[in-house]
Amino acid sequence: MSRPGTVTGGLAALACAACCALPLFIAAGVLTGAAAALLERTLLAVAAGLAVAALAMGWGHSRRGKRCVAAGDPAGGCGATGCACVR
C-alpha cells in the first residue's frame, strides 16, 4: 500500500511539469501569451496546494498510531528517562 501523500505529490509534480512546458506551447503557437500567463498562475497555485496537501498527509500518516507513555509505565518500558513515543 502506498503512503497517502504519494498520489497527491505525484499530481503536484505533474502540475509543475505542465507549468514548465508552457514556453514550449507558446513557441509552438498552441497558446497565446495571455492564456499562458493565466494558466501559469493557475498551475502554480494548484501545484502549491497539492504539495502542501501531500506534506500534510505524509505528516499525518507518520503521526498516526503513536502515543506517549510516562516514565515507569510498563507499556512504555522507558524507565527513568522520561517519555517515549511508541506505536
N, C-alpha and C. Protein backbone atom coordinates (compact mmCIF):
# COMPACT_ATOMS: atom_id res chain seq x y z
N MET A 1 0.84 -1.17 0.00
CA MET A 1 0.00 0.00 0.00
C MET A 1 0.89 1.24 0.00
N SER A 2 0.56 2.21 -0.80
CA SER A 2 1.36 3.43 -0.89
C SER A 2 1.00 4.39 0.23
N ARG A 3 1.91 5.29 0.51
CA ARG A 3 1.66 6.31 1.53
C ARG A 3 0.59 7.26 1.02
N PRO A 4 -0.19 7.88 1.90
CA PRO A 4 -1.31 8.73 1.49
C PRO A 4 -0.92 9.92 0.63
N GLY A 5 0.24 10.50 0.84
CA GLY A 5 0.63 11.68 0.10
C GLY A 5 1.28 11.40 -1.25
N THR A 6 1.49 10.13 -1.58
CA THR A 6 2.19 9.78 -2.81
C THR A 6 1.43 10.23 -4.05
N VAL A 7 0.16 9.95 -4.12
CA VAL A 7 -0.64 10.35 -5.28
C VAL A 7 -0.73 11.87 -5.37
N THR A 8 -0.95 12.51 -4.25
CA THR A 8 -1.05 13.97 -4.23
C THR A 8 0.28 14.59 -4.63
N GLY A 9 1.38 14.04 -4.15
CA GLY A 9 2.70 14.53 -4.53
C GLY A 9 2.97 14.35 -6.02
N GLY A 10 2.53 13.22 -6.56
CA GLY A 10 2.68 12.98 -8.00
C GLY A 10 1.88 13.97 -8.83
N LEU A 11 0.67 14.29 -8.37
CA LEU A 11 -0.14 15.29 -9.07
C LEU A 11 0.50 16.68 -9.01
N ALA A 12 1.11 17.00 -7.86
CA ALA A 12 1.81 18.28 -7.74
C ALA A 12 2.98 18.35 -8.70
N ALA A 13 3.72 17.26 -8.83
CA ALA A 13 4.84 17.22 -9.77
C ALA A 13 4.36 17.33 -11.21
N LEU A 14 3.23 16.72 -11.51
CA LEU A 14 2.66 16.81 -12.86
C LEU A 14 2.24 18.24 -13.18
N ALA A 15 1.61 18.92 -12.21
CA ALA A 15 1.21 20.32 -12.42
C ALA A 15 2.43 21.20 -12.61
N CYS A 16 3.48 20.93 -11.87
CA CYS A 16 4.73 21.70 -12.01
C CYS A 16 5.35 21.46 -13.38
N ALA A 17 5.35 20.22 -13.84
CA ALA A 17 5.91 19.91 -15.17
C ALA A 17 5.10 20.59 -16.27
N ALA A 18 3.78 20.62 -16.11
CA ALA A 18 2.94 21.29 -17.10
C ALA A 18 3.24 22.78 -17.14
N CYS A 19 3.50 23.36 -15.98
CA CYS A 19 3.84 24.78 -15.92
C CYS A 19 5.17 25.05 -16.63
N CYS A 20 6.12 24.15 -16.47
CA CYS A 20 7.42 24.31 -17.12
C CYS A 20 7.33 24.11 -18.64
N ALA A 21 6.29 23.42 -19.09
CA ALA A 21 6.12 23.18 -20.53
C ALA A 21 5.42 24.34 -21.25
N LEU A 22 4.93 25.31 -20.50
CA LEU A 22 4.20 26.43 -21.11
C LEU A 22 5.01 27.18 -22.18
N PRO A 23 6.30 27.47 -21.96
CA PRO A 23 7.05 28.15 -23.01
C PRO A 23 7.10 27.37 -24.33
N LEU A 24 7.11 26.06 -24.24
CA LEU A 24 7.10 25.24 -25.45
C LEU A 24 5.77 25.37 -26.19
N PHE A 25 4.67 25.44 -25.43
CA PHE A 25 3.36 25.61 -26.05
C PHE A 25 3.22 26.99 -26.71
N ILE A 26 3.82 27.99 -26.09
CA ILE A 26 3.79 29.34 -26.68
C ILE A 26 4.60 29.35 -27.97
N ALA A 27 5.79 28.75 -27.95
CA ALA A 27 6.64 28.72 -29.13
C ALA A 27 5.99 27.93 -30.27
N ALA A 28 5.23 26.91 -29.93
CA ALA A 28 4.57 26.10 -30.95
C ALA A 28 3.30 26.77 -31.47
N GLY A 29 2.89 27.86 -30.81
CA GLY A 29 1.69 28.56 -31.25
C GLY A 29 0.40 27.98 -30.71
N VAL A 30 0.50 27.07 -29.77
CA VAL A 30 -0.69 26.45 -29.19
C VAL A 30 -1.38 27.41 -28.23
N LEU A 31 -0.58 28.21 -27.50
CA LEU A 31 -1.12 29.15 -26.52
C LEU A 31 -0.66 30.57 -26.85
N THR A 32 -1.49 31.53 -26.51
CA THR A 32 -1.07 32.92 -26.61
C THR A 32 -0.38 33.30 -25.30
N GLY A 33 0.27 34.41 -25.28
CA GLY A 33 0.95 34.86 -24.07
C GLY A 33 0.01 35.10 -22.92
N ALA A 34 -1.15 35.69 -23.19
CA ALA A 34 -2.12 35.97 -22.14
C ALA A 34 -2.71 34.68 -21.56
N ALA A 35 -3.02 33.74 -22.42
CA ALA A 35 -3.56 32.46 -21.94
C ALA A 35 -2.52 31.70 -21.13
N ALA A 36 -1.26 31.77 -21.57
CA ALA A 36 -0.20 31.09 -20.84
C ALA A 36 0.01 31.72 -19.47
N ALA A 37 -0.08 33.04 -19.38
CA ALA A 37 0.09 33.72 -18.10
C ALA A 37 -1.01 33.31 -17.12
N LEU A 38 -2.22 33.25 -17.59
CA LEU A 38 -3.33 32.83 -16.74
C LEU A 38 -3.18 31.36 -16.32
N LEU A 39 -2.82 30.52 -17.27
CA LEU A 39 -2.63 29.10 -16.99
C LEU A 39 -1.46 28.88 -16.04
N GLU A 40 -0.41 29.68 -16.18
CA GLU A 40 0.75 29.55 -15.30
C GLU A 40 0.37 29.83 -13.85
N ARG A 41 -0.36 30.92 -13.62
CA ARG A 41 -0.77 31.25 -12.25
C ARG A 41 -1.67 30.17 -11.67
N THR A 42 -2.55 29.64 -12.49
CA THR A 42 -3.44 28.58 -12.02
C THR A 42 -2.66 27.31 -11.68
N LEU A 43 -1.75 26.92 -12.58
CA LEU A 43 -0.97 25.71 -12.34
C LEU A 43 -0.05 25.85 -11.13
N LEU A 44 0.53 27.03 -10.94
CA LEU A 44 1.38 27.24 -9.77
C LEU A 44 0.58 27.14 -8.48
N ALA A 45 -0.63 27.70 -8.47
CA ALA A 45 -1.48 27.62 -7.28
C ALA A 45 -1.89 26.17 -7.01
N VAL A 46 -2.25 25.44 -8.06
CA VAL A 46 -2.64 24.04 -7.90
C VAL A 46 -1.46 23.22 -7.40
N ALA A 47 -0.28 23.42 -7.99
CA ALA A 47 0.91 22.66 -7.57
C ALA A 47 1.25 22.96 -6.11
N ALA A 48 1.17 24.21 -5.71
CA ALA A 48 1.47 24.57 -4.32
C ALA A 48 0.46 23.94 -3.36
N GLY A 49 -0.81 24.01 -3.72
CA GLY A 49 -1.84 23.40 -2.88
C GLY A 49 -1.68 21.90 -2.75
N LEU A 50 -1.37 21.24 -3.85
CA LEU A 50 -1.17 19.79 -3.81
C LEU A 50 0.08 19.41 -3.02
N ALA A 51 1.13 20.20 -3.15
CA ALA A 51 2.35 19.92 -2.39
C ALA A 51 2.10 20.05 -0.90
N VAL A 52 1.38 21.08 -0.50
CA VAL A 52 1.05 21.26 0.92
C VAL A 52 0.17 20.11 1.40
N ALA A 53 -0.80 19.70 0.59
CA ALA A 53 -1.67 18.59 0.97
C ALA A 53 -0.87 17.29 1.10
N ALA A 54 0.07 17.05 0.18
CA ALA A 54 0.89 15.84 0.25
C ALA A 54 1.75 15.83 1.51
N LEU A 55 2.34 16.98 1.84
CA LEU A 55 3.15 17.06 3.05
C LEU A 55 2.29 16.84 4.30
N ALA A 56 1.11 17.43 4.32
CA ALA A 56 0.22 17.27 5.48
C ALA A 56 -0.23 15.82 5.63
N MET A 57 -0.54 15.16 4.51
CA MET A 57 -0.96 13.76 4.58
C MET A 57 0.19 12.87 5.04
N GLY A 58 1.38 13.14 4.54
CA GLY A 58 2.54 12.35 4.95
C GLY A 58 2.84 12.54 6.43
N TRP A 59 2.76 13.78 6.91
CA TRP A 59 2.99 14.06 8.31
C TRP A 59 1.93 13.39 9.18
N GLY A 60 0.68 13.49 8.75
CA GLY A 60 -0.41 12.86 9.50
C GLY A 60 -0.27 11.35 9.55
N HIS A 61 0.20 10.78 8.44
CA HIS A 61 0.38 9.32 8.39
C HIS A 61 1.50 8.89 9.34
N SER A 62 2.57 9.67 9.42
CA SER A 62 3.69 9.30 10.28
C SER A 62 3.33 9.46 11.76
N ARG A 63 2.38 10.34 12.08
CA ARG A 63 1.98 10.58 13.46
C ARG A 63 0.90 9.60 13.93
N ARG A 64 0.20 8.97 13.00
CA ARG A 64 -0.90 8.09 13.38
C ARG A 64 -0.37 6.86 14.13
N GLY A 65 -1.04 6.52 15.19
CA GLY A 65 -0.69 5.32 15.93
C GLY A 65 0.36 5.52 16.99
N LYS A 66 0.91 6.71 17.15
CA LYS A 66 1.91 6.95 18.19
C LYS A 66 1.22 7.46 19.44
N ARG A 67 1.75 7.08 20.57
CA ARG A 67 1.25 7.61 21.82
C ARG A 67 2.44 7.75 22.76
N CYS A 68 2.38 8.71 23.62
CA CYS A 68 3.46 8.92 24.57
C CYS A 68 3.09 8.26 25.88
N VAL A 69 4.08 7.64 26.49
CA VAL A 69 3.87 6.98 27.77
C VAL A 69 4.79 7.61 28.80
N ALA A 70 4.34 7.62 30.02
CA ALA A 70 5.11 8.23 31.10
C ALA A 70 6.23 7.31 31.56
N ALA A 71 7.22 7.89 32.21
CA ALA A 71 8.33 7.11 32.75
C ALA A 71 7.80 6.10 33.76
N GLY A 72 8.30 4.90 33.68
CA GLY A 72 7.88 3.86 34.61
C GLY A 72 6.63 3.12 34.18
N ASP A 73 5.98 3.54 33.11
CA ASP A 73 4.78 2.86 32.62
C ASP A 73 5.21 1.52 32.03
N PRO A 74 4.63 0.40 32.47
CA PRO A 74 5.03 -0.90 31.94
C PRO A 74 4.81 -1.02 30.43
N ALA A 75 3.86 -0.27 29.89
CA ALA A 75 3.60 -0.35 28.45
C ALA A 75 4.72 0.31 27.65
N GLY A 76 5.39 1.30 28.27
CA GLY A 76 6.42 2.03 27.54
C GLY A 76 7.79 1.44 27.71
N GLY A 77 8.09 0.99 28.89
CA GLY A 77 9.40 0.42 29.13
C GLY A 77 10.52 1.43 29.02
N CYS A 78 10.24 2.71 29.31
CA CYS A 78 11.28 3.72 29.12
C CYS A 78 12.03 4.03 30.40
N GLY A 79 11.67 3.44 31.50
CA GLY A 79 12.39 3.62 32.75
C GLY A 79 12.35 5.04 33.25
N ALA A 80 13.46 5.53 33.73
CA ALA A 80 13.53 6.86 34.35
C ALA A 80 13.93 7.94 33.34
N THR A 81 13.98 7.62 32.08
CA THR A 81 14.46 8.58 31.08
C THR A 81 13.41 9.59 30.67
N GLY A 82 12.21 9.46 31.11
CA GLY A 82 11.16 10.42 30.75
C GLY A 82 10.07 9.76 29.95
N CYS A 83 9.79 10.31 28.78
CA CYS A 83 8.69 9.84 27.95
C CYS A 83 9.23 9.26 26.67
N ALA A 84 8.54 8.26 26.14
CA ALA A 84 8.91 7.67 24.86
C ALA A 84 7.66 7.51 24.03
N CYS A 85 7.78 7.72 22.75
CA CYS A 85 6.63 7.51 21.86
C CYS A 85 6.74 6.12 21.25
N VAL A 86 5.65 5.38 21.36
CA VAL A 86 5.63 4.01 20.86
C VAL A 86 4.44 3.83 19.93
N ARG A 87 4.50 2.84 19.12
CA ARG A 87 3.40 2.52 18.22
C ARG A 87 2.49 1.52 18.86
